[in-house]
Every structure is written in structure tokens, then in C-alpha cells.
N, C-alpha and C. Protein backbone atom coordinates (compact mmCIF):
# COMPACT_ATOMS: atom_id res chain seq x y z
N UNK A 1 18.18 179.48 148.59
CA UNK A 1 17.85 178.93 149.61
C UNK A 1 17.84 180.05 150.77
N UNK A 2 17.16 179.59 151.72
CA UNK A 2 17.27 181.16 152.94
C UNK A 2 18.54 180.58 153.95
N UNK A 3 18.75 181.79 154.44
CA UNK A 3 19.67 181.78 155.50
C UNK A 3 19.40 180.64 156.66
N UNK A 4 18.21 180.52 156.67
CA UNK A 4 17.69 179.57 157.97
C UNK A 4 18.29 178.19 157.75
N UNK A 5 18.43 177.78 156.07
CA UNK A 5 18.21 176.76 154.87
C UNK A 5 19.87 176.48 155.14
N UNK A 6 20.30 177.62 154.91
CA UNK A 6 22.12 177.53 154.67
C UNK A 6 22.58 176.97 156.44
N UNK A 7 22.28 177.85 157.64
CA UNK A 7 22.51 177.07 158.37
C UNK A 7 22.40 175.84 159.04
N UNK A 8 21.29 175.20 158.69
CA UNK A 8 21.06 173.95 159.03
C UNK A 8 21.77 173.11 158.08
N UNK A 9 21.83 173.60 156.73
CA UNK A 9 22.59 172.33 156.05
C UNK A 9 23.87 172.48 156.42
N UNK A 10 24.68 173.43 156.90
CA UNK A 10 26.07 173.78 157.50
C UNK A 10 26.42 172.63 158.59
N UNK A 11 25.19 172.95 159.71
CA UNK A 11 24.87 172.15 160.52
C UNK A 11 25.16 170.61 160.08
N UNK A 12 24.28 170.07 159.52
CA UNK A 12 24.08 168.80 159.20
C UNK A 12 25.52 168.32 158.53
N UNK A 13 26.04 169.03 157.58
CA UNK A 13 27.53 168.78 157.35
C UNK A 13 28.67 168.46 158.13
N UNK A 14 28.39 169.20 159.09
CA UNK A 14 29.40 169.07 159.97
C UNK A 14 29.30 168.01 161.28
N UNK A 15 27.93 167.28 160.87
CA UNK A 15 27.36 166.48 162.66
C UNK A 15 28.38 165.25 162.60
N UNK A 16 28.55 165.11 164.01
CA UNK A 16 29.57 163.98 163.74
C UNK A 16 29.11 162.97 164.88
N UNK A 17 27.52 163.14 165.16
CA UNK A 17 27.58 161.93 166.39
C UNK A 17 26.88 160.89 165.48
N UNK A 18 26.57 159.76 166.11
CA UNK A 18 26.40 158.36 165.87
C UNK A 18 24.99 157.96 166.22
N UNK A 19 24.30 156.78 165.66
CA UNK A 19 22.81 156.23 166.16
C UNK A 19 23.09 156.62 168.10
N UNK A 20 22.00 156.62 168.02
CA UNK A 20 20.07 156.89 167.54
C UNK A 20 20.22 158.75 167.39
N UNK A 21 21.11 159.34 167.48
CA UNK A 21 21.09 160.47 166.98
C UNK A 21 21.90 161.21 165.65
N UNK A 22 22.13 160.27 164.91
CA UNK A 22 22.84 160.33 163.59
C UNK A 22 22.14 161.45 162.76
N UNK A 23 23.06 162.03 161.45
CA UNK A 23 22.61 162.83 160.90
C UNK A 23 21.29 162.51 160.15
N UNK A 24 21.07 161.33 159.78
CA UNK A 24 19.81 160.72 159.28
C UNK A 24 18.85 160.66 159.81
N UNK A 25 18.83 160.23 161.59
CA UNK A 25 17.84 160.20 162.45
C UNK A 25 17.29 161.16 162.88
N UNK A 26 17.76 162.22 162.08
CA UNK A 26 17.20 163.71 162.76
C UNK A 26 16.71 164.31 161.69
N UNK A 27 15.23 164.99 162.13
CA UNK A 27 14.45 165.67 161.25
C UNK A 27 15.00 167.36 161.23
N UNK A 28 15.50 167.38 160.02
CA UNK A 28 15.57 168.79 159.94
C UNK A 28 15.03 170.00 159.67
N UNK A 29 14.71 170.94 159.92
CA UNK A 29 14.03 171.91 159.25
C UNK A 29 14.18 173.34 159.44
N UNK A 30 13.31 174.23 158.84
CA UNK A 30 13.14 175.95 158.72
C UNK A 30 11.79 176.13 159.27
N UNK A 31 11.32 174.76 159.75
CA UNK A 31 10.12 175.59 160.34
C UNK A 31 10.44 175.33 162.22
N UNK A 32 9.31 175.85 162.78
CA UNK A 32 9.18 175.74 164.12
C UNK A 32 9.29 174.62 164.44
N UNK A 33 8.05 173.80 164.56
CA UNK A 33 8.20 172.27 164.64
C UNK A 33 7.22 171.69 164.07
N UNK A 34 7.45 170.42 163.77
CA UNK A 34 6.58 169.19 162.77
C UNK A 34 5.85 168.42 163.76
N UNK A 35 4.50 168.81 163.80
CA UNK A 35 3.71 167.91 164.86
C UNK A 35 4.00 166.40 163.97
N UNK A 36 3.79 166.18 162.47
CA UNK A 36 3.98 165.18 162.05
C UNK A 36 5.12 164.27 161.91
N UNK A 37 6.06 164.71 162.69
CA UNK A 37 7.35 164.38 162.30
C UNK A 37 8.11 163.96 164.14
N UNK A 38 6.89 164.16 165.02
CA UNK A 38 6.84 164.07 166.42
C UNK A 38 8.16 163.01 166.94
N UNK A 39 7.96 161.92 166.26
CA UNK A 39 8.40 160.40 166.78
C UNK A 39 10.12 160.84 166.41
N UNK A 40 10.40 161.52 165.90
CA UNK A 40 12.22 161.70 165.55
C UNK A 40 12.58 163.11 166.45
N UNK A 41 13.73 163.00 166.29
CA UNK A 41 13.99 163.99 167.30
C UNK A 41 14.34 165.12 166.22
N UNK A 42 14.14 166.63 166.25
CA UNK A 42 14.13 167.56 165.34
C UNK A 42 15.11 168.29 165.77
N UNK A 43 15.84 169.15 164.74
CA UNK A 43 16.47 170.27 164.80
C UNK A 43 15.88 171.25 163.89
N UNK A 44 15.63 172.56 164.39
CA UNK A 44 15.34 173.57 163.50
C UNK A 44 15.76 175.03 163.87
N UNK A 45 15.90 175.47 162.48
CA UNK A 45 16.28 176.94 162.54
C UNK A 45 15.60 178.01 162.01
N UNK A 46 15.16 178.97 163.20
CA UNK A 46 14.28 179.95 162.38
C UNK A 46 14.84 181.49 162.70
N UNK A 47 14.25 182.12 161.94
CA UNK A 47 14.38 183.86 162.33
C UNK A 47 13.88 184.31 163.45
N UNK A 48 14.74 184.96 164.76
CA UNK A 48 14.14 185.30 165.48
C UNK A 48 13.76 186.59 165.58
N UNK A 49 14.37 187.53 165.04
CA UNK A 49 14.18 189.11 165.22
C UNK A 49 14.41 189.40 163.47
N UNK A 50 14.07 190.68 163.35
CA UNK A 50 14.57 191.47 161.96
C UNK A 50 16.07 191.99 161.94
N UNK A 51 16.66 192.00 161.08
CA UNK A 51 17.98 192.12 161.56
C UNK A 51 18.36 193.66 161.90
N UNK A 52 19.44 193.81 162.76
CA UNK A 52 20.15 194.86 163.30
C UNK A 52 20.69 195.87 162.37
N UNK A 53 20.52 197.04 161.86
CA UNK A 53 21.75 197.32 161.17
C UNK A 53 22.72 198.28 161.67
N UNK A 54 23.86 198.76 161.29
CA UNK A 54 24.71 199.44 161.37
C UNK A 54 25.65 200.04 160.62
N UNK A 55 25.96 201.19 160.58
CA UNK A 55 26.38 201.78 159.44
C UNK A 55 27.82 201.65 159.76
N UNK A 56 29.14 201.39 158.74
CA UNK A 56 30.52 202.01 159.04
C UNK A 56 31.26 201.70 157.73
N UNK A 57 32.29 202.57 157.62
CA UNK A 57 33.03 202.83 156.78
C UNK A 57 34.41 202.11 156.69
N UNK A 58 34.33 200.99 155.88
CA UNK A 58 35.44 200.32 156.02
C UNK A 58 36.67 201.01 155.49
N UNK A 59 36.44 201.99 154.02
CA UNK A 59 37.30 202.95 153.61
C UNK A 59 37.09 204.41 153.48
N UNK A 60 38.10 205.10 152.91
CA UNK A 60 37.46 206.32 152.63
C UNK A 60 36.37 206.53 151.74
N UNK A 61 35.42 207.10 151.75
CA UNK A 61 34.96 207.33 150.66
C UNK A 61 33.65 206.67 150.58
N UNK A 62 33.27 205.46 151.35
CA UNK A 62 32.44 204.46 151.33
C UNK A 62 31.80 204.30 152.44
N UNK A 63 30.49 203.71 152.60
CA UNK A 63 29.64 203.59 153.39
C UNK A 63 28.74 202.31 153.64
N UNK A 64 29.10 201.46 154.16
CA UNK A 64 28.60 200.01 154.28
C UNK A 64 27.70 199.82 155.30
N UNK A 65 26.71 198.73 155.22
CA UNK A 65 26.00 198.60 156.15
C UNK A 65 26.18 196.70 156.70
N UNK A 66 26.45 196.54 158.27
CA UNK A 66 26.85 195.35 158.77
C UNK A 66 25.17 195.16 159.48
N UNK A 67 24.69 194.05 159.01
CA UNK A 67 23.26 193.55 159.39
C UNK A 67 23.70 192.46 160.48
N UNK A 68 23.09 192.50 161.92
CA UNK A 68 23.15 191.21 162.95
C UNK A 68 22.09 190.72 162.97
N UNK A 69 21.92 189.33 162.32
CA UNK A 69 20.46 188.75 162.30
C UNK A 69 20.72 187.74 163.75
N UNK A 70 19.80 187.84 164.34
CA UNK A 70 19.05 186.74 165.28
C UNK A 70 18.46 185.24 164.94
N UNK A 71 18.98 183.96 164.98
CA UNK A 71 18.59 182.88 164.78
C UNK A 71 18.58 182.19 165.99
N UNK A 72 17.09 181.30 166.12
CA UNK A 72 17.02 180.21 167.06
C UNK A 72 17.07 179.18 166.45
N UNK A 73 18.12 178.34 167.15
CA UNK A 73 18.20 176.72 166.80
C UNK A 73 17.31 176.28 167.96
N UNK A 74 16.32 175.35 167.76
CA UNK A 74 15.71 174.56 168.55
C UNK A 74 15.93 173.02 168.42
N UNK A 75 15.88 172.13 169.53
CA UNK A 75 16.89 170.91 169.39
C UNK A 75 15.60 170.32 170.24
N UNK A 76 14.92 169.52 169.67
CA UNK A 76 13.51 168.64 170.08
C UNK A 76 13.84 167.16 170.34
N UNK A 77 13.35 166.90 171.31
CA UNK A 77 13.07 165.29 171.64
C UNK A 77 11.98 164.78 172.44
N UNK A 78 11.05 163.85 171.76
CA UNK A 78 9.80 163.24 172.60
C UNK A 78 10.29 162.53 173.38
N UNK A 79 9.90 162.66 174.65
CA UNK A 79 9.92 161.20 175.70
C UNK A 79 8.79 160.58 175.11
N UNK A 80 9.26 159.30 174.77
CA UNK A 80 8.63 157.71 174.42
C UNK A 80 7.14 158.06 175.64
N UNK A 81 6.15 157.29 175.72
CA UNK A 81 5.32 157.19 176.63
C UNK A 81 5.62 155.75 177.29
N UNK A 82 5.61 155.99 178.64
CA UNK A 82 6.43 154.92 179.39
C UNK A 82 7.80 154.96 179.71
N UNK A 83 8.39 156.09 178.95
CA UNK A 83 9.75 155.66 179.30
C UNK A 83 10.03 156.82 180.25
N UNK A 84 11.34 156.25 180.80
CA UNK A 84 11.62 157.37 182.11
C UNK A 84 12.08 158.89 181.45
N UNK A 85 12.50 158.81 180.11
CA UNK A 85 12.91 159.78 179.69
C UNK A 85 14.86 160.23 180.02
N UNK A 86 15.18 159.21 179.97
CA UNK A 86 16.40 158.97 180.56
C UNK A 86 17.49 159.13 179.34
N UNK A 87 17.11 157.86 178.47
CA UNK A 87 17.83 158.16 177.08
C UNK A 87 17.38 159.38 176.04
N UNK A 88 16.28 159.57 176.20
CA UNK A 88 15.73 161.09 175.54
C UNK A 88 16.85 162.38 176.14
N UNK A 89 16.78 162.05 177.29
CA UNK A 89 17.63 163.36 178.06
C UNK A 89 19.00 163.41 177.29
N UNK A 90 19.54 161.99 177.35
CA UNK A 90 21.07 162.05 176.91
C UNK A 90 20.93 162.14 175.45
N UNK A 91 20.00 162.02 174.45
CA UNK A 91 20.10 162.25 173.00
C UNK A 91 20.15 163.89 172.84
N UNK A 92 18.89 164.37 173.97
CA UNK A 92 18.78 166.08 173.39
C UNK A 92 20.21 166.60 174.37
N UNK A 93 20.67 166.41 175.45
CA UNK A 93 21.97 166.81 175.61
C UNK A 93 23.39 166.71 174.87
N UNK A 94 23.48 165.42 174.07
CA UNK A 94 24.17 165.34 173.03
C UNK A 94 24.37 166.21 171.98
N UNK A 95 22.87 166.47 171.23
CA UNK A 95 22.81 167.24 170.04
C UNK A 95 23.11 168.75 170.49
N UNK A 96 22.51 169.13 171.79
CA UNK A 96 22.63 170.21 171.92
C UNK A 96 24.69 170.65 172.10
N UNK A 97 24.81 169.98 172.77
CA UNK A 97 26.59 169.62 172.32
C UNK A 97 27.24 169.52 171.37
N UNK A 98 26.67 168.85 170.62
CA UNK A 98 27.33 168.87 168.87
C UNK A 98 26.70 170.23 168.72
N UNK A 99 25.41 170.96 168.60
CA UNK A 99 25.09 172.13 167.60
C UNK A 99 25.97 173.08 168.04
N UNK A 100 26.44 173.65 169.54
CA UNK A 100 27.34 174.36 169.98
C UNK A 100 28.87 173.95 169.48
N UNK A 101 29.28 172.96 169.42
CA UNK A 101 30.88 172.72 169.19
C UNK A 101 30.87 173.29 167.36
N UNK A 102 29.83 172.55 166.76
CA UNK A 102 30.16 172.90 165.21
C UNK A 102 29.99 174.74 165.16
N UNK A 103 29.16 175.01 166.10
CA UNK A 103 29.18 176.58 165.69
C UNK A 103 30.36 177.47 165.83
N UNK A 104 30.72 176.66 167.10
CA UNK A 104 31.97 177.13 167.97
C UNK A 104 33.22 177.42 167.08
N UNK A 105 33.28 175.92 166.65
CA UNK A 105 34.36 175.47 165.79
C UNK A 105 34.45 176.02 164.95
N UNK A 106 33.34 176.17 163.87
CA UNK A 106 33.22 176.63 162.35
C UNK A 106 34.21 177.72 162.13
N UNK A 107 33.84 178.60 162.45
CA UNK A 107 34.55 179.86 162.41
C UNK A 107 36.01 179.69 162.20
N UNK A 108 37.01 179.17 163.45
CA UNK A 108 38.13 179.14 163.70
C UNK A 108 38.37 178.07 162.81
N UNK A 109 37.95 176.89 162.46
CA UNK A 109 38.35 175.86 161.74
C UNK A 109 38.37 176.21 160.43
N UNK A 110 37.48 176.80 159.79
CA UNK A 110 37.91 176.96 158.16
C UNK A 110 37.07 178.16 157.67
N UNK A 111 36.67 179.32 158.82
CA UNK A 111 36.46 180.52 158.37
C UNK A 111 35.03 180.33 157.67
N UNK A 112 34.55 179.18 157.81
CA UNK A 112 33.20 178.84 157.01
C UNK A 112 33.54 178.11 155.87
N UNK A 113 34.45 178.46 155.16
CA UNK A 113 34.87 177.89 154.01
C UNK A 113 33.87 178.04 152.86
N UNK A 114 32.94 179.49 153.42
CA UNK A 114 31.88 179.94 152.48
C UNK A 114 30.92 179.23 152.21
N UNK A 115 30.93 178.30 153.08
CA UNK A 115 29.72 177.37 153.13
C UNK A 115 28.35 177.89 154.05
N UNK A 116 28.82 178.83 154.55
CA UNK A 116 27.81 179.96 155.01
C UNK A 116 27.40 181.53 154.80
N UNK A 117 28.09 181.46 153.35
CA UNK A 117 27.88 182.57 152.49
C UNK A 117 26.05 183.10 152.49
N UNK A 118 26.08 184.01 152.89
CA UNK A 118 26.53 185.28 153.00
C UNK A 118 26.96 185.73 154.41
N UNK A 119 27.20 184.87 155.30
CA UNK A 119 27.32 185.33 156.55
C UNK A 119 28.60 185.29 156.77
N UNK A 120 29.32 186.53 157.55
CA UNK A 120 30.68 186.80 157.96
C UNK A 120 31.11 186.02 159.14
N UNK A 121 30.11 185.94 160.10
CA UNK A 121 30.17 185.44 161.45
C UNK A 121 28.88 184.95 161.58
N UNK A 122 29.32 183.87 162.02
CA UNK A 122 27.58 183.19 162.92
C UNK A 122 28.38 182.42 164.48
N UNK A 123 27.51 182.87 165.39
CA UNK A 123 28.34 182.22 166.47
C UNK A 123 26.83 182.39 167.59
N UNK A 124 27.18 180.89 168.86
CA UNK A 124 25.95 181.09 169.67
C UNK A 124 26.18 181.70 170.72
N UNK A 125 25.08 182.40 171.40
CA UNK A 125 24.90 183.66 172.25
C UNK A 125 24.85 182.71 173.85
N UNK A 126 24.65 181.44 173.54
CA UNK A 126 24.72 180.60 175.05
C UNK A 126 24.73 179.36 174.59
N UNK A 127 24.96 178.12 175.29
CA UNK A 127 24.95 176.90 175.40
C UNK A 127 23.24 176.02 175.12
N UNK A 128 22.41 176.83 174.95
CA UNK A 128 21.33 176.48 175.37
C UNK A 128 20.54 176.51 176.53
N UNK A 129 19.15 176.70 176.28
CA UNK A 129 18.27 177.51 177.45
C UNK A 129 17.15 175.84 177.30
N UNK A 130 17.00 175.26 178.24
CA UNK A 130 16.17 174.46 178.51
C UNK A 130 14.87 175.04 178.66
N UNK A 131 13.85 174.37 177.76
CA UNK A 131 12.64 174.95 177.53
C UNK A 131 11.79 173.52 177.50
N UNK A 132 12.18 172.64 178.40
CA UNK A 132 11.44 171.38 178.31
C UNK A 132 10.20 171.50 179.13
N UNK A 133 9.38 170.72 178.50
CA UNK A 133 7.51 170.59 178.55
C UNK A 133 7.51 169.14 178.94
N UNK A 134 7.65 168.95 180.40
CA UNK A 134 7.52 167.52 180.82
C UNK A 134 6.14 167.19 181.32
N UNK A 135 5.72 168.07 181.63
CA UNK A 135 4.30 167.89 182.74
C UNK A 135 3.20 168.01 182.04
N UNK A 136 3.14 168.26 180.36
CA UNK A 136 1.97 167.86 179.48
C UNK A 136 2.26 166.74 178.57
N UNK A 137 1.34 166.10 177.89
CA UNK A 137 1.31 165.15 177.29
C UNK A 137 1.11 165.66 175.61
N UNK A 138 2.17 165.67 174.44
CA UNK A 138 3.24 164.49 174.90
C UNK A 138 4.61 165.50 175.57
N UNK A 139 5.66 164.41 176.25
CA UNK A 139 6.25 165.29 176.91
C UNK A 139 7.34 165.33 175.81
N UNK A 140 8.31 166.62 176.12
CA UNK A 140 9.06 166.95 175.09
C UNK A 140 10.34 167.43 175.61
N UNK A 141 11.24 167.46 175.19
CA UNK A 141 12.40 168.17 175.63
C UNK A 141 13.22 168.92 174.67
N UNK A 142 13.10 170.25 175.51
CA UNK A 142 13.78 171.24 173.99
C UNK A 142 14.66 172.14 174.59
N UNK A 143 15.52 172.25 173.86
CA UNK A 143 16.69 173.16 174.06
C UNK A 143 16.63 174.34 172.91
N UNK A 144 16.96 175.51 173.33
CA UNK A 144 17.02 176.72 172.45
C UNK A 144 18.23 177.46 172.20
N UNK A 145 18.86 177.37 171.34
CA UNK A 145 20.20 178.22 171.28
C UNK A 145 19.68 179.77 170.22
N UNK A 146 20.30 180.66 170.73
CA UNK A 146 20.60 181.75 170.04
C UNK A 146 21.86 182.17 169.50
N UNK A 147 21.44 182.03 168.04
CA UNK A 147 22.73 182.39 167.09
C UNK A 147 22.61 183.92 166.54
N UNK A 148 23.79 184.65 166.74
CA UNK A 148 23.92 185.87 166.15
C UNK A 148 24.94 185.95 165.25
N UNK A 149 24.30 186.34 163.86
CA UNK A 149 25.17 186.35 162.54
C UNK A 149 25.27 187.39 162.16
N UNK A 150 26.38 187.99 161.71
CA UNK A 150 26.74 189.13 160.92
C UNK A 150 26.93 189.04 159.36
N UNK A 151 26.61 189.71 158.39
CA UNK A 151 27.05 189.74 157.16
C UNK A 151 26.94 191.59 156.65
N UNK A 152 27.97 191.79 155.60
CA UNK A 152 27.82 193.30 155.01
C UNK A 152 27.53 193.34 153.94
N UNK A 153 26.82 194.35 153.68
CA UNK A 153 26.61 195.21 152.31
C UNK A 153 26.68 196.11 151.85
């Protein structure tokens, strides 16, 4: 499984929201966006940039590399035709807050419990930047969270 897949699986396993944005009502993916699943709320995890490498010496005589990977977590919600968008706005806001909560609490709660191996730490850099597209059809609400993750080798 890819690191994006591990992050997505971790978030799904910690998801605590009920319908209409329960874990089973969301399309989870490691692709940018799936136009065939546009009727579902979507949460996607994708690579953002290549790793940044940093050398360090954890002990005398050794030289290790620390990788800092950046990932994007996008939360998508289509506004139904004829809808004011109020319910969809609430849904996307709830999903954004839930993803942030899971990532912030994950490290302190259980030190990831190995569920995000090989990552040592993964934290959001923001609370989600709105990237809504409501002036075109289909109208889509989207938040983009940037996640920084570190791993050693």
C-alpha cells in the first residue's frame, strides 16, 4: 500500500462522524478527484511534492536521512442542483474539522500505534484552505489540507 493509502486508511479508521458524512457515505481515494463518484462526498489523499531529505546523526558513527513528505488531503462536496448549498456547506465543514482532529490527536493519542508506519509524525500545516468552485457547474465545495509527514531511513 502507498503512503497515501496508509494515511487514507488511518483517517477512515478514526472517523467519528455520523450520516450524512459517515465513513461509509464518503468516497475515499488516493486519486485527485473521481468524476464518476461526484454525487458522493470525497476525501482524497495525494502526494504534493517529492521528499525533502535532511541528514542527521542520531548516534556516533552513523548517518541517517530524514524525509519530510508533503501530502494534500482534499475534501470535496458537490452542491446538488437547485440546492442553496447550506447542508453541503455544513457537511464539508464537518469533514474538514474531523480530518484535522484525527491528524492532530493521532500522534498524542496513540503515537500512531504503528498504523501509519513508516511515518514517524504526520501533522496538518493548516486547518484547510477553501478552494470552492461555486461559479461553475457542477458547483463544488473543496477544502485542501496540507500534511507534513516525516520518516527516517
